[in-house]
């Protein structure tokens, strides 16, 4: 199967499948739509990387890879339906009953956003939250691009920037809308400040109460 030599992995598979689906792991049984797979790859690449376990049902039971085409569909997703194209590392494991499970690993992308093309031809960026692939907010995408394209620059923290940091320290997070309203800023100005602070690593994003908000970076 794609020149992969399966290694015995009964106990390894039992251990990682017992973790369930989470921030860096997704189970895939039916591989039929490369664009849907691309969505998972985008979410992992825009976060901290992750792995697909191919041949594992949503409930964690091992069904095994059905045919070699599953691997080609995933490669197609990474190469044709992710922008920029992503590289995957495949490893095959044999379960106790002889069924084969493929682990497809993707590293976190040094260049964000990684976008996936949907059925309508739109390129959208996703982010992994728990066991879900969440559509990244336009502000996050803008901030990612700002960090990637920025030249070295010094940023002076003015009153508005300091107010944002004070809001985060007080409440733990701050939404762009609250920051805008409390400081009587236009949305463009509020988002520009957030993007500039994100570009130099002063703030980050987190998913809270079903929306992406600004927070301080994790240690």
N, C-alpha and C. Protein backbone atom coordinates (compact mmCIF):
# COMPACT_ATOMS: atom_id res chain seq x y z
N UNK A 1 0.84 -1.19 0.00
CA UNK A 1 0.00 0.00 0.00
C UNK A 1 0.88 1.24 0.00
N UNK A 2 0.94 1.88 -1.17
CA UNK A 2 1.78 3.06 -1.34
C UNK A 2 3.19 2.83 -0.83
N UNK A 3 3.67 1.59 -1.07
CA UNK A 3 5.02 1.22 -0.65
C UNK A 3 5.23 1.33 0.85
N UNK A 4 4.14 1.30 1.62
CA UNK A 4 4.26 1.35 3.07
C UNK A 4 4.33 -0.07 3.62
N UNK A 5 5.29 -0.33 4.44
CA UNK A 5 5.40 -1.61 5.10
C UNK A 5 4.83 -1.47 6.51
N UNK A 6 3.76 -2.20 6.77
CA UNK A 6 3.09 -2.08 8.06
C UNK A 6 3.92 -2.73 9.16
N UNK A 7 3.97 -2.05 10.29
CA UNK A 7 4.64 -2.59 11.47
C UNK A 7 3.58 -2.96 12.51
N UNK A 8 3.90 -3.89 13.37
CA UNK A 8 2.95 -4.31 14.40
C UNK A 8 2.74 -3.16 15.38
N UNK A 9 1.47 -2.82 15.57
CA UNK A 9 1.21 -1.66 16.40
C UNK A 9 0.02 -1.81 17.31
N UNK A 10 -0.26 -3.01 17.74
CA UNK A 10 -1.45 -3.27 18.56
C UNK A 10 -1.51 -2.35 19.79
N UNK A 11 -0.46 -2.35 20.56
CA UNK A 11 -0.52 -1.60 21.82
C UNK A 11 -0.43 -0.09 21.58
N UNK A 12 0.35 0.30 20.58
CA UNK A 12 0.42 1.72 20.24
C UNK A 12 -0.94 2.22 19.80
N UNK A 13 -1.62 1.47 18.92
CA UNK A 13 -2.93 1.88 18.45
C UNK A 13 -3.94 1.93 19.58
N UNK A 14 -3.89 0.93 20.47
CA UNK A 14 -4.81 0.94 21.61
C UNK A 14 -4.62 2.20 22.44
N UNK A 15 -3.36 2.57 22.63
CA UNK A 15 -3.07 3.73 23.49
C UNK A 15 -3.56 5.03 22.88
N UNK A 16 -3.24 5.27 21.61
CA UNK A 16 -3.60 6.57 21.04
C UNK A 16 -5.09 6.64 20.69
N UNK A 17 -5.70 5.52 20.32
CA UNK A 17 -7.13 5.54 20.05
C UNK A 17 -7.91 5.80 21.34
N UNK A 18 -7.39 5.29 22.46
CA UNK A 18 -8.05 5.52 23.76
C UNK A 18 -8.11 7.01 24.11
N UNK A 19 -7.22 7.81 23.51
CA UNK A 19 -7.24 9.25 23.76
C UNK A 19 -8.47 9.91 23.14
N UNK A 20 -9.07 9.24 22.15
CA UNK A 20 -10.19 9.83 21.43
C UNK A 20 -9.73 10.91 20.46
N UNK A 21 -10.69 11.55 19.85
CA UNK A 21 -10.36 12.68 18.97
C UNK A 21 -10.12 13.91 19.83
N UNK A 22 -9.10 14.65 19.50
CA UNK A 22 -8.77 15.83 20.29
C UNK A 22 -8.05 16.84 19.42
N UNK A 23 -7.37 17.78 20.06
CA UNK A 23 -6.77 18.91 19.36
C UNK A 23 -5.77 18.49 18.29
N UNK A 24 -5.09 17.37 18.49
CA UNK A 24 -4.07 16.95 17.52
C UNK A 24 -4.35 15.57 16.94
N UNK A 25 -5.58 15.09 17.07
CA UNK A 25 -5.89 13.75 16.55
C UNK A 25 -7.32 13.70 16.01
N UNK A 26 -7.45 13.07 14.83
CA UNK A 26 -8.76 12.93 14.20
C UNK A 26 -8.86 11.53 13.61
N UNK A 27 -10.01 10.90 13.81
CA UNK A 27 -10.25 9.57 13.23
C UNK A 27 -10.91 9.73 11.85
N UNK A 28 -10.47 8.92 10.90
CA UNK A 28 -11.06 8.94 9.56
C UNK A 28 -11.30 7.50 9.11
N UNK A 29 -12.56 7.22 8.81
CA UNK A 29 -12.90 5.90 8.28
C UNK A 29 -13.26 5.99 6.80
N UNK A 30 -14.27 6.78 6.48
CA UNK A 30 -14.70 6.94 5.09
C UNK A 30 -13.92 8.09 4.45
N UNK A 31 -13.03 7.78 3.54
CA UNK A 31 -12.24 8.80 2.83
C UNK A 31 -12.84 8.95 1.44
N UNK A 32 -13.74 9.91 1.30
CA UNK A 32 -14.43 10.05 0.03
C UNK A 32 -14.36 11.45 -0.56
N UNK A 33 -13.98 12.43 0.24
CA UNK A 33 -14.01 13.82 -0.21
C UNK A 33 -12.69 14.49 0.16
N UNK A 34 -11.86 14.76 -0.84
CA UNK A 34 -10.55 15.35 -0.58
C UNK A 34 -10.67 16.74 0.04
N UNK A 35 -11.72 17.46 -0.31
CA UNK A 35 -11.88 18.81 0.23
C UNK A 35 -12.18 18.78 1.73
N UNK A 36 -12.94 17.79 2.18
CA UNK A 36 -13.20 17.68 3.62
C UNK A 36 -11.93 17.31 4.37
N UNK A 37 -11.12 16.45 3.77
CA UNK A 37 -9.85 16.12 4.40
C UNK A 37 -8.96 17.36 4.47
N UNK A 38 -8.98 18.16 3.41
CA UNK A 38 -8.17 19.39 3.38
C UNK A 38 -8.54 20.32 4.52
N UNK A 39 -9.81 20.32 4.90
CA UNK A 39 -10.25 21.15 6.03
C UNK A 39 -9.55 20.74 7.32
N UNK A 40 -9.44 19.43 7.55
CA UNK A 40 -8.72 18.95 8.74
C UNK A 40 -7.25 19.30 8.67
N UNK A 41 -6.66 19.15 7.49
CA UNK A 41 -5.24 19.46 7.34
C UNK A 41 -4.98 20.94 7.57
N UNK A 42 -5.86 21.79 7.07
CA UNK A 42 -5.74 23.23 7.31
C UNK A 42 -5.81 23.53 8.80
N UNK A 43 -6.78 22.92 9.50
CA UNK A 43 -6.97 23.18 10.93
C UNK A 43 -5.74 22.76 11.73
N UNK A 44 -5.18 21.58 11.41
CA UNK A 44 -3.98 21.13 12.12
C UNK A 44 -2.79 22.02 11.80
N UNK A 45 -2.60 22.34 10.52
CA UNK A 45 -1.43 23.11 10.11
C UNK A 45 -1.45 24.52 10.69
N UNK A 46 -2.63 25.09 10.87
CA UNK A 46 -2.74 26.44 11.44
C UNK A 46 -2.64 26.44 12.95
N UNK A 47 -2.61 25.25 13.54
CA UNK A 47 -2.50 25.14 15.00
C UNK A 47 -1.13 24.54 15.33
N UNK A 48 -1.10 23.41 15.96
CA UNK A 48 0.17 22.82 16.39
C UNK A 48 0.46 21.50 15.70
N UNK A 49 -0.16 21.29 14.52
CA UNK A 49 0.03 20.03 13.82
C UNK A 49 -0.92 18.98 14.35
N UNK A 50 -0.87 17.79 13.76
CA UNK A 50 -1.76 16.73 14.22
C UNK A 50 -1.63 15.48 13.37
N UNK A 51 -2.49 14.52 13.65
CA UNK A 51 -2.46 13.26 12.92
C UNK A 51 -3.87 12.78 12.62
N UNK A 52 -4.00 12.20 11.42
CA UNK A 52 -5.21 11.50 11.04
C UNK A 52 -4.97 10.02 11.22
N UNK A 53 -5.89 9.32 11.84
CA UNK A 53 -5.82 7.87 11.93
C UNK A 53 -6.83 7.30 10.95
N UNK A 54 -6.33 6.77 9.85
CA UNK A 54 -7.17 6.32 8.75
C UNK A 54 -7.47 4.84 8.94
N UNK A 55 -8.76 4.53 8.93
CA UNK A 55 -9.19 3.16 9.19
C UNK A 55 -9.76 3.01 10.59
N UNK A 56 -10.03 4.15 11.26
CA UNK A 56 -10.61 4.14 12.61
C UNK A 56 -11.94 4.88 12.57
N UNK A 57 -12.99 4.26 13.09
CA UNK A 57 -14.31 4.87 13.11
C UNK A 57 -14.40 5.93 14.20
N UNK A 58 -15.45 6.75 14.13
CA UNK A 58 -15.63 7.82 15.10
C UNK A 58 -15.72 7.31 16.53
N UNK A 59 -16.21 6.08 16.70
CA UNK A 59 -16.33 5.52 18.06
C UNK A 59 -15.04 4.87 18.54
N UNK A 60 -13.99 4.93 17.71
CA UNK A 60 -12.69 4.38 18.11
C UNK A 60 -12.46 2.94 17.70
N UNK A 61 -13.45 2.31 17.11
CA UNK A 61 -13.23 0.93 16.67
C UNK A 61 -12.42 0.89 15.39
N UNK A 62 -11.56 -0.12 15.27
CA UNK A 62 -10.68 -0.25 14.12
C UNK A 62 -11.39 -1.04 13.02
N UNK A 63 -11.54 -0.40 11.87
CA UNK A 63 -12.13 -1.07 10.71
C UNK A 63 -11.06 -1.41 9.68
N UNK A 64 -9.95 -0.69 9.74
CA UNK A 64 -8.88 -0.90 8.78
C UNK A 64 -9.07 -0.06 7.53
N UNK A 65 -7.96 0.21 6.87
CA UNK A 65 -8.01 0.97 5.62
C UNK A 65 -8.69 0.11 4.56
N UNK A 66 -9.62 0.68 3.87
CA UNK A 66 -10.43 -0.10 2.93
C UNK A 66 -9.69 -0.39 1.62
N UNK A 67 -8.99 0.59 1.11
CA UNK A 67 -8.23 0.36 -0.12
C UNK A 67 -7.16 1.43 -0.27
N UNK A 68 -6.28 1.20 -1.21
CA UNK A 68 -5.14 2.08 -1.42
C UNK A 68 -5.56 3.48 -1.84
N UNK A 69 -6.74 3.61 -2.43
CA UNK A 69 -7.20 4.91 -2.90
C UNK A 69 -7.35 5.92 -1.77
N UNK A 70 -7.63 5.42 -0.55
CA UNK A 70 -7.76 6.33 0.59
C UNK A 70 -6.51 7.19 0.75
N UNK A 71 -5.35 6.59 0.59
CA UNK A 71 -4.10 7.32 0.76
C UNK A 71 -3.94 8.37 -0.34
N UNK A 72 -4.30 8.01 -1.55
CA UNK A 72 -4.17 8.96 -2.65
C UNK A 72 -5.13 10.14 -2.50
N UNK A 73 -6.31 9.90 -1.94
CA UNK A 73 -7.26 10.99 -1.71
C UNK A 73 -6.69 11.97 -0.69
N UNK A 74 -6.05 11.45 0.34
CA UNK A 74 -5.46 12.33 1.36
C UNK A 74 -4.29 13.12 0.78
N UNK A 75 -3.48 12.47 -0.03
CA UNK A 75 -2.39 13.19 -0.69
C UNK A 75 -2.92 14.27 -1.62
N UNK A 76 -4.02 13.95 -2.31
CA UNK A 76 -4.65 14.94 -3.18
C UNK A 76 -5.13 16.13 -2.36
N UNK A 77 -5.71 15.85 -1.21
CA UNK A 77 -6.18 16.93 -0.34
C UNK A 77 -5.03 17.84 0.06
N UNK A 78 -3.89 17.25 0.41
CA UNK A 78 -2.74 18.03 0.86
C UNK A 78 -2.10 18.83 -0.26
N UNK A 79 -2.07 18.28 -1.45
CA UNK A 79 -1.35 18.90 -2.55
C UNK A 79 -2.23 19.83 -3.40
N UNK A 80 -3.48 19.45 -3.62
CA UNK A 80 -4.33 20.20 -4.54
C UNK A 80 -5.33 21.11 -3.84
N UNK A 81 -5.77 20.71 -2.65
CA UNK A 81 -6.83 21.46 -1.99
C UNK A 81 -6.37 22.18 -0.73
N UNK A 82 -5.07 22.22 -0.49
CA UNK A 82 -4.50 23.07 0.55
C UNK A 82 -3.61 24.12 -0.11
N UNK A 83 -3.69 25.33 0.38
CA UNK A 83 -2.84 26.42 -0.13
C UNK A 83 -2.19 27.14 1.03
N UNK A 84 -0.86 27.09 1.14
CA UNK A 84 0.08 26.35 0.29
C UNK A 84 -0.06 24.84 0.49
N UNK A 85 0.46 24.07 -0.48
CA UNK A 85 0.40 22.61 -0.40
C UNK A 85 1.14 22.14 0.84
N UNK A 86 0.65 21.05 1.43
CA UNK A 86 1.22 20.53 2.66
C UNK A 86 1.83 19.16 2.44
N UNK A 87 2.85 18.86 3.25
CA UNK A 87 3.51 17.55 3.21
C UNK A 87 3.03 16.70 4.36
N UNK A 88 2.79 15.42 4.08
CA UNK A 88 2.33 14.48 5.10
C UNK A 88 3.34 13.36 5.25
N UNK A 89 3.39 12.79 6.44
CA UNK A 89 4.22 11.62 6.69
C UNK A 89 3.31 10.45 7.06
N UNK A 90 3.37 9.38 6.26
CA UNK A 90 2.50 8.23 6.46
C UNK A 90 3.25 7.09 7.15
N UNK A 91 2.57 6.45 8.09
CA UNK A 91 3.08 5.25 8.75
C UNK A 91 1.94 4.25 8.86
N UNK A 92 2.22 2.98 8.53
CA UNK A 92 1.20 1.93 8.58
C UNK A 92 1.42 1.04 9.79
N UNK A 93 0.32 0.71 10.47
CA UNK A 93 0.37 -0.18 11.63
C UNK A 93 -0.63 -1.31 11.45
N UNK A 94 -0.27 -2.50 11.90
CA UNK A 94 -1.16 -3.64 11.86
C UNK A 94 -1.78 -3.85 13.24
N UNK A 95 -3.11 -3.90 13.26
CA UNK A 95 -3.82 -4.14 14.51
C UNK A 95 -3.81 -5.63 14.82
N UNK A 96 -4.41 -5.99 15.97
CA UNK A 96 -4.37 -7.38 16.44
C UNK A 96 -5.06 -8.34 15.48
N UNK A 97 -6.11 -7.85 14.80
CA UNK A 97 -6.85 -8.73 13.89
C UNK A 97 -6.33 -8.67 12.45
N UNK A 98 -5.21 -8.00 12.26
CA UNK A 98 -4.61 -7.89 10.94
C UNK A 98 -5.04 -6.68 10.15
N UNK A 99 -6.02 -5.92 10.65
CA UNK A 99 -6.45 -4.71 9.97
C UNK A 99 -5.32 -3.68 9.98
N UNK A 100 -5.23 -2.91 8.91
CA UNK A 100 -4.17 -1.91 8.80
C UNK A 100 -4.74 -0.52 9.06
N UNK A 101 -4.06 0.22 9.93
CA UNK A 101 -4.38 1.61 10.22
C UNK A 101 -3.22 2.47 9.73
N UNK A 102 -3.54 3.52 9.01
CA UNK A 102 -2.53 4.45 8.52
C UNK A 102 -2.54 5.71 9.37
N UNK A 103 -1.37 6.10 9.84
CA UNK A 103 -1.23 7.38 10.54
C UNK A 103 -0.65 8.40 9.57
N UNK A 104 -1.39 9.48 9.33
CA UNK A 104 -0.93 10.56 8.47
C UNK A 104 -0.66 11.78 9.34
N UNK A 105 0.59 12.19 9.44
CA UNK A 105 0.98 13.29 10.32
C UNK A 105 1.27 14.54 9.51
N UNK A 106 0.82 15.67 10.04
CA UNK A 106 1.10 16.96 9.43
C UNK A 106 1.70 17.88 10.49
N UNK A 107 2.75 18.59 10.11
CA UNK A 107 3.43 19.48 11.05
C UNK A 107 2.74 20.85 11.07
N UNK A 108 2.92 21.61 12.14
CA UNK A 108 2.40 22.99 12.14
C UNK A 108 3.09 23.78 11.03
N UNK A 109 2.33 24.58 10.33
CA UNK A 109 2.88 25.32 9.21
C UNK A 109 3.64 26.56 9.69
N UNK A 110 4.84 26.79 9.15
CA UNK A 110 5.55 28.03 9.48
C UNK A 110 4.95 29.23 8.77
N UNK A 111 4.09 28.97 7.79
CA UNK A 111 3.46 30.03 7.01
C UNK A 111 1.95 29.91 7.12
N UNK A 112 1.35 30.79 7.88
CA UNK A 112 -0.09 30.81 8.03
C UNK A 112 -0.66 32.02 7.31
N UNK A 113 -1.89 31.93 6.79
CA UNK A 113 -2.81 30.80 6.93
C UNK A 113 -2.58 29.71 5.90
N UNK A 114 -2.87 28.48 6.30
CA UNK A 114 -3.03 27.37 5.36
C UNK A 114 -4.52 27.28 5.09
N UNK A 115 -4.90 27.43 3.83
CA UNK A 115 -6.31 27.45 3.47
C UNK A 115 -6.71 26.15 2.76
N UNK A 116 -7.99 25.82 2.87
CA UNK A 116 -8.55 24.66 2.19
C UNK A 116 -9.62 25.15 1.23
N UNK A 117 -9.67 24.52 0.06
CA UNK A 117 -10.67 24.92 -0.94
C UNK A 117 -11.97 24.16 -0.72
N UNK A 118 -13.09 24.87 -0.66
CA UNK A 118 -14.36 24.20 -0.47
C UNK A 118 -15.00 23.86 -1.82
N UNK A 119 -16.19 23.28 -1.79
CA UNK A 119 -16.85 22.81 -3.01
C UNK A 119 -17.20 23.95 -3.95
N UNK A 120 -17.30 25.18 -3.44
CA UNK A 120 -17.62 26.34 -4.26
C UNK A 120 -16.37 27.06 -4.77
N UNK A 121 -15.21 26.47 -4.49
CA UNK A 121 -13.97 27.07 -4.97
C UNK A 121 -13.39 28.13 -4.06
N UNK A 122 -14.01 28.38 -2.91
CA UNK A 122 -13.49 29.39 -1.98
C UNK A 122 -12.34 28.80 -1.16
N UNK A 123 -11.35 29.64 -0.87
CA UNK A 123 -10.23 29.22 -0.04
C UNK A 123 -10.44 29.77 1.36
N UNK A 124 -10.59 28.85 2.33
CA UNK A 124 -10.92 29.21 3.70
C UNK A 124 -9.88 28.61 4.66
N UNK A 125 -9.60 29.31 5.73
CA UNK A 125 -8.65 28.84 6.73
C UNK A 125 -9.39 28.30 7.94
N UNK A 126 -8.89 27.19 8.49
CA UNK A 126 -9.51 26.56 9.65
C UNK A 126 -8.50 26.47 10.79
N UNK A 127 -9.02 26.24 11.98
CA UNK A 127 -8.19 26.14 13.18
C UNK A 127 -8.76 25.03 14.05
N UNK A 128 -7.90 24.24 14.65
CA UNK A 128 -8.35 23.10 15.45
C UNK A 128 -8.67 23.55 16.87
N UNK A 129 -9.88 23.27 17.29
CA UNK A 129 -10.33 23.58 18.65
C UNK A 129 -10.93 22.30 19.22
N UNK A 130 -10.27 21.73 20.24
CA UNK A 130 -10.68 20.43 20.80
C UNK A 130 -10.73 19.42 19.66
N UNK A 131 -11.90 18.84 19.37
CA UNK A 131 -11.99 17.86 18.29
C UNK A 131 -12.73 18.41 17.07
N UNK A 132 -12.77 19.75 16.95
CA UNK A 132 -13.49 20.38 15.85
C UNK A 132 -12.55 21.20 14.97
N UNK A 133 -12.91 21.30 13.69
CA UNK A 133 -12.22 22.19 12.76
C UNK A 133 -13.08 23.45 12.63
N UNK A 134 -12.62 24.55 13.20
CA UNK A 134 -13.39 25.78 13.26
C UNK A 134 -12.89 26.75 12.20
N UNK A 135 -13.80 27.40 11.50
CA UNK A 135 -13.42 28.40 10.52
C UNK A 135 -12.73 29.56 11.23
N UNK A 136 -11.52 29.86 10.81
CA UNK A 136 -10.76 30.95 11.44
C UNK A 136 -11.44 32.29 11.15
N UNK A 137 -11.37 33.20 12.09
CA UNK A 137 -11.99 34.50 11.90
C UNK A 137 -11.18 35.32 10.90
N UNK A 138 -11.83 36.23 10.18
CA UNK A 138 -11.09 37.10 9.24
C UNK A 138 -9.95 37.87 9.94
N UNK A 139 -10.16 38.25 11.20
CA UNK A 139 -9.12 38.97 11.92
C UNK A 139 -7.90 38.08 12.14
N UNK A 140 -8.11 36.81 12.49
CA UNK A 140 -6.99 35.89 12.66
C UNK A 140 -6.21 35.74 11.36
N UNK A 141 -6.92 35.57 10.26
CA UNK A 141 -6.26 35.42 8.97
C UNK A 141 -5.44 36.66 8.64
N UNK A 142 -6.01 37.82 8.90
CA UNK A 142 -5.30 39.08 8.67
C UNK A 142 -4.05 39.17 9.55
N UNK A 143 -4.18 38.74 10.80
CA UNK A 143 -3.03 38.80 11.72
C UNK A 143 -1.95 37.81 11.32
N UNK A 144 -2.35 36.60 10.91
CA UNK A 144 -1.36 35.63 10.45
C UNK A 144 -0.57 36.19 9.28
N UNK A 145 -1.26 36.79 8.33
CA UNK A 145 -0.57 37.34 7.16
C UNK A 145 0.34 38.50 7.56
N UNK A 146 -0.10 39.28 8.52
CA UNK A 146 0.71 40.41 8.98
C UNK A 146 2.01 39.90 9.61
N UNK A 147 1.91 38.87 10.41
CA UNK A 147 3.12 38.32 11.05
C UNK A 147 4.07 37.74 10.01
N UNK A 148 3.51 37.06 9.02
CA UNK A 148 4.36 36.42 8.01
C UNK A 148 5.05 37.43 7.12
N UNK A 149 4.38 38.54 6.83
CA UNK A 149 4.91 39.49 5.85
C UNK A 149 5.64 40.67 6.47
N UNK A 150 5.57 40.80 7.76
CA UNK A 150 6.12 42.01 8.39
C UNK A 150 7.63 42.08 8.27
N UNK A 151 8.12 43.30 8.18
CA UNK A 151 9.55 43.56 8.30
C UNK A 151 9.83 43.90 9.76
N UNK A 152 11.08 43.84 10.13
CA UNK A 152 11.42 44.16 11.52
C UNK A 152 11.04 45.61 11.81
N UNK A 153 10.26 45.81 12.85
CA UNK A 153 9.82 47.15 13.18
C UNK A 153 9.65 47.28 14.69
N UNK A 154 9.81 48.50 15.15
CA UNK A 154 9.59 48.80 16.55
C UNK A 154 8.20 49.41 16.70
N UNK A 155 7.47 48.94 17.67
CA UNK A 155 6.12 49.43 17.90
C UNK A 155 6.06 50.07 19.28
N UNK A 156 5.62 51.31 19.30
CA UNK A 156 5.45 52.01 20.56
C UNK A 156 4.05 51.72 21.10
N UNK A 157 3.99 51.34 22.35
CA UNK A 157 2.70 51.07 22.95
C UNK A 157 2.04 52.37 23.39
N UNK A 158 1.02 52.77 22.64
CA UNK A 158 0.28 53.97 22.98
C UNK A 158 -0.84 53.66 23.96
N UNK A 159 -1.71 54.63 24.16
CA UNK A 159 -2.78 54.45 25.15
C UNK A 159 -3.77 53.37 24.72
N UNK A 160 -4.05 53.29 23.42
CA UNK A 160 -5.00 52.28 22.95
C UNK A 160 -4.42 50.88 23.10
N UNK A 161 -3.14 50.72 22.75
CA UNK A 161 -2.49 49.41 22.90
C UNK A 161 -2.45 49.01 24.38
N UNK A 162 -2.14 49.97 25.23
CA UNK A 162 -2.07 49.66 26.66
C UNK A 162 -3.45 49.30 27.21
N UNK A 163 -4.48 49.96 26.68
CA UNK A 163 -5.84 49.65 27.12
C UNK A 163 -6.22 48.22 26.74
N UNK A 164 -5.82 47.78 25.55
CA UNK A 164 -6.10 46.40 25.14
C UNK A 164 -5.43 45.42 26.10
N UNK A 165 -4.17 45.67 26.41
CA UNK A 165 -3.46 44.78 27.33
C UNK A 165 -4.08 44.80 28.72
N UNK A 166 -4.53 45.96 29.15
CA UNK A 166 -5.18 46.06 30.46
C UNK A 166 -6.50 45.27 30.46
N UNK A 167 -7.25 45.34 29.37
CA UNK A 167 -8.50 44.58 29.27
C UNK A 167 -8.23 43.08 29.38
N UNK A 168 -7.18 42.63 28.69
CA UNK A 168 -6.87 41.20 28.71
C UNK A 168 -6.42 40.78 30.10
N UNK A 169 -5.58 41.58 30.74
CA UNK A 169 -5.11 41.23 32.09
C UNK A 169 -6.26 41.20 33.07
N UNK A 170 -7.23 42.07 32.88
CA UNK A 170 -8.37 42.13 33.80
C UNK A 170 -9.35 40.98 33.58
N UNK A 171 -9.67 40.70 32.32
CA UNK A 171 -10.73 39.75 32.00
C UNK A 171 -10.21 38.42 31.45
N UNK A 172 -8.94 38.34 31.14
CA UNK A 172 -8.38 37.11 30.58
C UNK A 172 -8.39 37.11 29.06
N UNK A 173 -9.41 37.72 28.47
CA UNK A 173 -9.52 37.82 27.01
C UNK A 173 -10.17 39.17 26.68
N UNK A 174 -10.10 39.52 25.40
CA UNK A 174 -10.78 40.72 24.91
C UNK A 174 -11.21 40.48 23.48
N UNK A 175 -12.45 40.82 23.17
CA UNK A 175 -12.90 40.71 21.79
C UNK A 175 -12.57 42.00 21.05
N UNK A 176 -12.43 41.90 19.74
CA UNK A 176 -12.15 43.09 18.93
C UNK A 176 -13.28 44.11 19.07
N UNK A 177 -14.53 43.63 19.16
CA UNK A 177 -15.67 44.54 19.28
C UNK A 177 -15.65 45.31 20.59
N UNK A 178 -15.37 44.61 21.70
CA UNK A 178 -15.30 45.29 23.00
C UNK A 178 -14.16 46.30 23.02
N UNK A 179 -13.03 45.92 22.47
CA UNK A 179 -11.88 46.82 22.42
C UNK A 179 -12.23 48.07 21.61
N UNK A 180 -12.89 47.88 20.51
CA UNK A 180 -13.29 48.99 19.64
C UNK A 180 -14.24 49.94 20.37
N UNK A 181 -15.27 49.37 21.01
CA UNK A 181 -16.30 50.20 21.65
C UNK A 181 -15.77 50.94 22.87
N UNK A 182 -14.99 50.24 23.68
CA UNK A 182 -14.51 50.86 24.92
C UNK A 182 -13.48 51.95 24.66
N UNK A 183 -12.83 51.90 23.52
CA UNK A 183 -11.81 52.91 23.21
C UNK A 183 -12.25 53.87 22.12
N UNK A 184 -13.51 53.75 21.69
CA UNK A 184 -14.07 54.65 20.67
C UNK A 184 -13.20 54.64 19.40
N UNK A 185 -12.85 53.43 18.99
CA UNK A 185 -12.03 53.26 17.80
C UNK A 185 -12.89 52.75 16.65
N UNK A 186 -12.47 53.03 15.43
CA UNK A 186 -13.10 52.38 14.30
C UNK A 186 -12.69 50.92 14.29
N UNK A 187 -13.46 50.07 13.61
CA UNK A 187 -13.10 48.65 13.55
C UNK A 187 -11.74 48.48 12.87
N UNK A 188 -11.49 49.24 11.83
CA UNK A 188 -10.20 49.12 11.13
C UNK A 188 -9.04 49.44 12.04
N UNK A 189 -9.18 50.51 12.83
CA UNK A 189 -8.10 50.89 13.75
C UNK A 189 -7.91 49.85 14.85
N UNK A 190 -9.02 49.35 15.39
CA UNK A 190 -8.92 48.33 16.44
C UNK A 190 -8.25 47.07 15.92
N UNK A 191 -8.64 46.63 14.73
CA UNK A 191 -8.05 45.43 14.16
C UNK A 191 -6.59 45.65 13.79
N UNK A 192 -6.25 46.83 13.32
CA UNK A 192 -4.86 47.12 12.99
C UNK A 192 -3.97 47.03 14.22
N UNK A 193 -4.44 47.54 15.33
CA UNK A 193 -3.67 47.47 16.58
C UNK A 193 -3.49 46.01 16.99
N UNK A 194 -4.55 45.23 16.95
CA UNK A 194 -4.46 43.81 17.32
C UNK A 194 -3.48 43.08 16.41
N UNK A 195 -3.55 43.34 15.11
CA UNK A 195 -2.67 42.66 14.16
C UNK A 195 -1.21 43.03 14.41
N UNK A 196 -0.95 44.30 14.68
CA UNK A 196 0.43 44.72 14.93
C UNK A 196 0.98 44.09 16.20
N UNK A 197 0.16 44.01 17.24
CA UNK A 197 0.62 43.39 18.48
C UNK A 197 0.81 41.89 18.31
N UNK A 198 -0.06 41.27 17.52
CA UNK A 198 0.10 39.84 17.26
C UNK A 198 1.38 39.59 16.46
N UNK A 199 1.67 40.46 15.50
CA UNK A 199 2.83 40.27 14.63
C UNK A 199 4.13 40.24 15.42
N UNK A 200 4.19 40.95 16.53
CA UNK A 200 5.42 40.97 17.33
C UNK A 200 5.32 40.06 18.56
N UNK A 201 4.24 39.27 18.63
CA UNK A 201 4.14 38.27 19.69
C UNK A 201 3.64 38.77 21.03
N UNK A 202 3.02 39.94 21.06
CA UNK A 202 2.55 40.50 22.33
C UNK A 202 1.19 39.92 22.71
N UNK A 203 0.35 39.63 21.72
CA UNK A 203 -0.96 39.02 21.98
C UNK A 203 -1.11 37.79 21.10
N UNK A 204 -2.11 36.99 21.43
CA UNK A 204 -2.42 35.78 20.67
C UNK A 204 -3.94 35.65 20.59
N UNK A 205 -4.42 34.57 19.97
CA UNK A 205 -5.85 34.32 19.86
C UNK A 205 -6.21 33.03 20.58
N UNK A 206 -7.43 33.00 21.10
CA UNK A 206 -7.97 31.78 21.68
C UNK A 206 -9.45 31.71 21.36
N UNK A 207 -10.02 30.51 21.47
CA UNK A 207 -11.44 30.31 21.18
C UNK A 207 -12.18 30.26 22.50
N UNK A 208 -13.10 31.21 22.69
CA UNK A 208 -13.79 31.33 23.98
C UNK A 208 -15.24 31.74 23.72
N UNK A 209 -16.17 31.00 24.33
CA UNK A 209 -17.60 31.29 24.16
C UNK A 209 -17.99 31.35 22.69
N UNK A 210 -17.49 30.38 21.94
CA UNK A 210 -17.85 30.21 20.52
C UNK A 210 -17.35 31.32 19.61
N UNK A 211 -16.30 32.02 20.02
CA UNK A 211 -15.71 33.01 19.14
C UNK A 211 -14.21 33.12 19.43
N UNK A 212 -13.47 33.59 18.44
CA UNK A 212 -12.05 33.84 18.63
C UNK A 212 -11.86 35.20 19.25
N UNK A 213 -11.09 35.24 20.33
CA UNK A 213 -10.82 36.49 21.04
C UNK A 213 -9.32 36.62 21.26
N UNK A 214 -8.93 37.80 21.70
CA UNK A 214 -7.52 38.09 21.90
C UNK A 214 -7.13 37.78 23.34
N UNK A 215 -5.94 37.21 23.50
CA UNK A 215 -5.44 36.88 24.83
C UNK A 215 -3.93 37.10 24.85
N UNK A 216 -3.32 36.88 25.98
CA UNK A 216 -1.87 36.94 26.07
C UNK A 216 -1.29 35.61 25.63
N UNK A 217 -0.09 35.60 25.09
CA UNK A 217 0.53 34.33 24.66
C UNK A 217 0.73 33.40 25.84
N UNK A 218 0.66 32.10 25.57
CA UNK A 218 0.97 31.12 26.59
C UNK A 218 2.47 31.12 26.85
N UNK A 219 2.80 30.82 28.09
CA UNK A 219 4.24 30.74 28.43
C UNK A 219 4.87 29.52 27.74
